[in-house]
N, C-alpha and C. Protein backbone atom coordinates (compact mmCIF):
# COMPACT_ATOMS: atom_id res chain seq x y z
N MET A 1 -10.96 4.04 15.89
CA MET A 1 -10.48 5.40 16.03
C MET A 1 -8.97 5.44 15.82
N THR A 2 -8.52 6.43 15.10
CA THR A 2 -7.11 6.60 14.81
C THR A 2 -6.40 7.17 16.04
N PRO A 3 -5.23 6.63 16.38
CA PRO A 3 -4.52 7.14 17.55
C PRO A 3 -4.05 8.58 17.36
N LYS A 4 -3.80 9.26 18.47
CA LYS A 4 -3.30 10.63 18.44
C LYS A 4 -1.86 10.61 17.89
N PRO A 5 -1.52 11.55 17.01
CA PRO A 5 -0.18 11.55 16.44
C PRO A 5 0.88 11.89 17.49
N SER A 6 1.96 11.14 17.47
CA SER A 6 3.07 11.42 18.37
C SER A 6 3.96 12.49 17.74
N LYS A 7 4.93 12.95 18.50
CA LYS A 7 5.87 13.95 18.00
C LYS A 7 6.63 13.39 16.80
N ARG A 8 6.99 12.12 16.89
CA ARG A 8 7.72 11.47 15.79
C ARG A 8 6.88 11.41 14.51
N HIS A 9 5.58 11.11 14.66
CA HIS A 9 4.70 11.08 13.49
C HIS A 9 4.61 12.45 12.84
N MET A 10 4.48 13.47 13.66
CA MET A 10 4.36 14.82 13.12
C MET A 10 5.65 15.24 12.43
N GLU A 11 6.79 14.84 12.97
CA GLU A 11 8.07 15.15 12.32
C GLU A 11 8.18 14.45 10.97
N ARG A 12 7.69 13.22 10.89
CA ARG A 12 7.75 12.49 9.62
C ARG A 12 6.84 13.14 8.58
N VAL A 13 5.68 13.62 9.00
CA VAL A 13 4.77 14.32 8.08
C VAL A 13 5.41 15.63 7.62
N LEU A 14 6.01 16.36 8.54
CA LEU A 14 6.71 17.61 8.18
C LEU A 14 7.82 17.33 7.17
N CYS A 15 8.57 16.28 7.41
CA CYS A 15 9.68 15.93 6.53
C CYS A 15 9.17 15.55 5.14
N ALA A 16 8.08 14.79 5.07
CA ALA A 16 7.50 14.42 3.78
C ALA A 16 7.05 15.65 3.01
N LEU A 17 6.41 16.58 3.70
CA LEU A 17 5.96 17.82 3.07
C LEU A 17 7.15 18.67 2.63
N TYR A 18 8.20 18.68 3.43
CA TYR A 18 9.41 19.42 3.09
C TYR A 18 10.04 18.87 1.81
N ARG A 19 10.08 17.55 1.71
CA ARG A 19 10.67 16.93 0.51
C ARG A 19 9.85 17.24 -0.73
N LEU A 20 8.55 17.38 -0.58
CA LEU A 20 7.70 17.74 -1.72
C LEU A 20 7.86 19.20 -2.11
N THR A 21 7.85 20.09 -1.12
CA THR A 21 7.86 21.53 -1.41
C THR A 21 9.25 22.09 -1.63
N GLY A 22 10.26 21.45 -1.09
CA GLY A 22 11.61 21.96 -1.21
C GLY A 22 11.86 23.12 -0.27
N GLU A 23 12.59 24.09 -0.69
CA GLU A 23 12.98 25.22 0.16
C GLU A 23 12.03 26.41 0.01
N THR A 24 10.76 26.16 -0.16
CA THR A 24 9.83 27.26 -0.36
C THR A 24 8.59 27.13 0.52
N THR A 25 8.00 28.26 0.84
CA THR A 25 6.75 28.26 1.60
C THR A 25 5.56 28.49 0.66
N HIS A 26 5.83 28.70 -0.62
CA HIS A 26 4.76 29.01 -1.57
C HIS A 26 4.12 27.77 -2.18
N ALA A 27 4.85 26.67 -2.22
CA ALA A 27 4.32 25.45 -2.81
C ALA A 27 3.37 24.76 -1.84
N HIS A 28 2.37 24.11 -2.38
CA HIS A 28 1.45 23.32 -1.57
C HIS A 28 1.08 22.08 -2.35
N TYR A 29 0.85 20.99 -1.64
CA TYR A 29 0.56 19.71 -2.26
C TYR A 29 -0.66 19.07 -1.63
N PRO A 30 -1.40 18.27 -2.42
CA PRO A 30 -2.60 17.63 -1.89
C PRO A 30 -2.27 16.54 -0.87
N LEU A 31 -3.24 16.24 -0.07
CA LEU A 31 -3.10 15.22 0.97
C LEU A 31 -2.62 13.89 0.40
N GLU A 32 -3.12 13.50 -0.76
CA GLU A 32 -2.75 12.23 -1.36
C GLU A 32 -1.26 12.16 -1.68
N ALA A 33 -0.69 13.27 -2.14
CA ALA A 33 0.73 13.31 -2.46
C ALA A 33 1.57 13.16 -1.20
N ILE A 34 1.13 13.77 -0.11
CA ILE A 34 1.85 13.66 1.16
C ILE A 34 1.79 12.23 1.66
N MET A 35 0.62 11.60 1.54
CA MET A 35 0.46 10.21 1.99
C MET A 35 1.35 9.25 1.21
N ARG A 36 1.57 9.52 -0.07
CA ARG A 36 2.41 8.64 -0.89
C ARG A 36 3.87 8.65 -0.44
N LYS A 37 4.29 9.72 0.22
CA LYS A 37 5.67 9.83 0.69
C LYS A 37 5.91 9.10 2.01
N LEU A 38 4.85 8.59 2.63
CA LEU A 38 4.96 7.95 3.94
C LEU A 38 4.63 6.46 3.84
N PRO A 39 5.09 5.66 4.80
CA PRO A 39 4.79 4.24 4.79
C PRO A 39 3.28 3.99 4.91
N PRO A 40 2.78 2.92 4.29
CA PRO A 40 1.34 2.63 4.33
C PRO A 40 0.77 2.52 5.74
N ALA A 41 1.54 2.02 6.68
CA ALA A 41 1.05 1.86 8.05
C ALA A 41 0.78 3.20 8.72
N MET A 42 1.39 4.26 8.24
CA MET A 42 1.25 5.57 8.87
C MET A 42 0.17 6.44 8.23
N ARG A 43 -0.39 6.00 7.14
CA ARG A 43 -1.30 6.84 6.38
C ARG A 43 -2.57 7.20 7.13
N GLY A 44 -3.01 6.38 8.06
CA GLY A 44 -4.22 6.68 8.81
C GLY A 44 -4.06 7.84 9.76
N ILE A 45 -2.85 8.14 10.13
CA ILE A 45 -2.60 9.18 11.13
C ILE A 45 -2.22 10.52 10.49
N VAL A 46 -2.03 10.54 9.19
CA VAL A 46 -1.55 11.74 8.50
C VAL A 46 -2.52 12.91 8.65
N LYS A 47 -3.81 12.67 8.49
CA LYS A 47 -4.79 13.76 8.59
C LYS A 47 -4.76 14.40 9.97
N ARG A 48 -4.71 13.57 11.00
CA ARG A 48 -4.67 14.11 12.37
C ARG A 48 -3.37 14.86 12.62
N ALA A 49 -2.27 14.35 12.10
CA ALA A 49 -0.98 15.04 12.26
C ALA A 49 -1.01 16.39 11.56
N LEU A 50 -1.58 16.45 10.36
CA LEU A 50 -1.66 17.72 9.64
C LEU A 50 -2.54 18.72 10.38
N LYS A 51 -3.64 18.26 10.97
CA LYS A 51 -4.50 19.17 11.74
C LYS A 51 -3.74 19.72 12.95
N GLN A 52 -2.99 18.86 13.61
CA GLN A 52 -2.20 19.29 14.77
C GLN A 52 -1.11 20.28 14.34
N LEU A 53 -0.44 19.99 13.24
CA LEU A 53 0.61 20.89 12.74
C LEU A 53 0.02 22.24 12.30
N GLU A 54 -1.18 22.20 11.76
CA GLU A 54 -1.85 23.44 11.36
C GLU A 54 -2.20 24.27 12.60
N ALA A 55 -2.65 23.60 13.66
CA ALA A 55 -2.98 24.29 14.91
C ALA A 55 -1.74 24.92 15.54
N GLU A 56 -0.59 24.29 15.36
CA GLU A 56 0.67 24.82 15.90
C GLU A 56 1.28 25.91 15.01
N GLY A 57 0.70 26.13 13.83
CA GLY A 57 1.19 27.17 12.94
C GLY A 57 2.38 26.76 12.08
N LEU A 58 2.58 25.47 11.91
CA LEU A 58 3.70 24.97 11.11
C LEU A 58 3.30 24.65 9.68
N VAL A 59 2.01 24.42 9.48
CA VAL A 59 1.48 24.05 8.16
C VAL A 59 0.26 24.92 7.90
N TYR A 60 0.05 25.28 6.64
CA TYR A 60 -1.17 26.00 6.28
C TYR A 60 -1.95 25.20 5.25
N ARG A 61 -3.25 25.40 5.24
CA ARG A 61 -4.10 24.75 4.26
C ARG A 61 -4.47 25.78 3.21
N LYS A 62 -4.32 25.43 1.97
CA LYS A 62 -4.54 26.37 0.88
C LYS A 62 -6.01 26.50 0.53
N GLY A 63 -6.57 27.64 0.79
CA GLY A 63 -7.90 28.01 0.33
C GLY A 63 -9.02 27.05 0.64
N GLY A 64 -9.00 26.39 1.77
CA GLY A 64 -10.08 25.49 2.14
C GLY A 64 -10.02 24.14 1.45
N THR A 65 -9.04 23.93 0.60
CA THR A 65 -8.90 22.64 -0.07
C THR A 65 -8.08 21.69 0.79
N LYS A 66 -7.77 20.56 0.26
CA LYS A 66 -6.94 19.60 0.99
C LYS A 66 -5.49 19.66 0.51
N SER A 67 -5.04 20.85 0.19
CA SER A 67 -3.64 21.08 -0.17
C SER A 67 -2.94 21.75 0.99
N TYR A 68 -1.74 21.31 1.29
CA TYR A 68 -1.01 21.81 2.45
C TYR A 68 0.36 22.31 2.04
N GLY A 69 0.83 23.33 2.74
CA GLY A 69 2.16 23.88 2.54
C GLY A 69 2.78 24.20 3.89
N LEU A 70 4.05 24.56 3.88
CA LEU A 70 4.77 24.87 5.11
C LEU A 70 4.83 26.38 5.34
N THR A 71 4.69 26.79 6.60
CA THR A 71 4.93 28.17 6.98
C THR A 71 6.43 28.35 7.16
N ARG A 72 6.88 29.57 7.42
CA ARG A 72 8.32 29.79 7.63
C ARG A 72 8.84 29.00 8.83
N GLU A 73 8.09 29.03 9.91
CA GLU A 73 8.49 28.27 11.10
C GLU A 73 8.46 26.76 10.81
N GLY A 74 7.45 26.34 10.06
CA GLY A 74 7.34 24.94 9.69
C GLY A 74 8.49 24.49 8.81
N LEU A 75 8.94 25.39 7.94
CA LEU A 75 10.07 25.09 7.06
C LEU A 75 11.33 24.83 7.88
N GLU A 76 11.57 25.64 8.89
CA GLU A 76 12.74 25.46 9.76
C GLU A 76 12.65 24.14 10.53
N ARG A 77 11.48 23.87 11.12
CA ARG A 77 11.29 22.63 11.89
C ARG A 77 11.39 21.41 10.99
N ALA A 78 10.87 21.51 9.76
CA ALA A 78 10.93 20.39 8.83
C ALA A 78 12.37 20.12 8.41
N ARG A 79 13.13 21.18 8.20
CA ARG A 79 14.55 21.02 7.84
C ARG A 79 15.29 20.25 8.95
N GLU A 80 15.03 20.63 10.19
CA GLU A 80 15.67 19.94 11.34
C GLU A 80 15.20 18.49 11.42
N ALA A 81 13.90 18.25 11.20
CA ALA A 81 13.35 16.89 11.28
C ALA A 81 13.95 15.99 10.22
N CYS A 82 14.17 16.55 9.03
CA CYS A 82 14.73 15.74 7.94
C CYS A 82 16.19 15.42 8.18
N LEU A 83 16.90 16.30 8.85
CA LEU A 83 18.31 16.05 9.16
C LEU A 83 18.46 14.94 10.19
N GLU A 84 17.48 14.81 11.08
CA GLU A 84 17.53 13.79 12.12
C GLU A 84 17.24 12.40 11.59
N GLU A 85 16.53 12.30 10.44
CA GLU A 85 16.18 10.98 9.90
C GLU A 85 17.35 10.26 9.32
C-alpha cells in the first residue's frame, strides 16, 4: 500500500504541475507528464497526492481523463511552494 501523501509531497506535486502549466489555469497535463517532473522514488505517491489536492480544490481533472490542471487557488499555492524549493 502506498503511504498517505505528506504536505511536502503535495507541495512538490503542485510545484511540478505549476512548472508544466506556467501562469495559467487553462492548461492541463497528463499524469505521466507530471510524474516525469518528480523523482522516481516519489512517483508512487503522485496519484494519491493529486486526489487529495483535487479534494482540497487546488487541482482539477479535465473531463474525466487523467489530465490535471491548477485552479486559481492552486496556482497561488503552487507559486508559493515553488518559491520555497
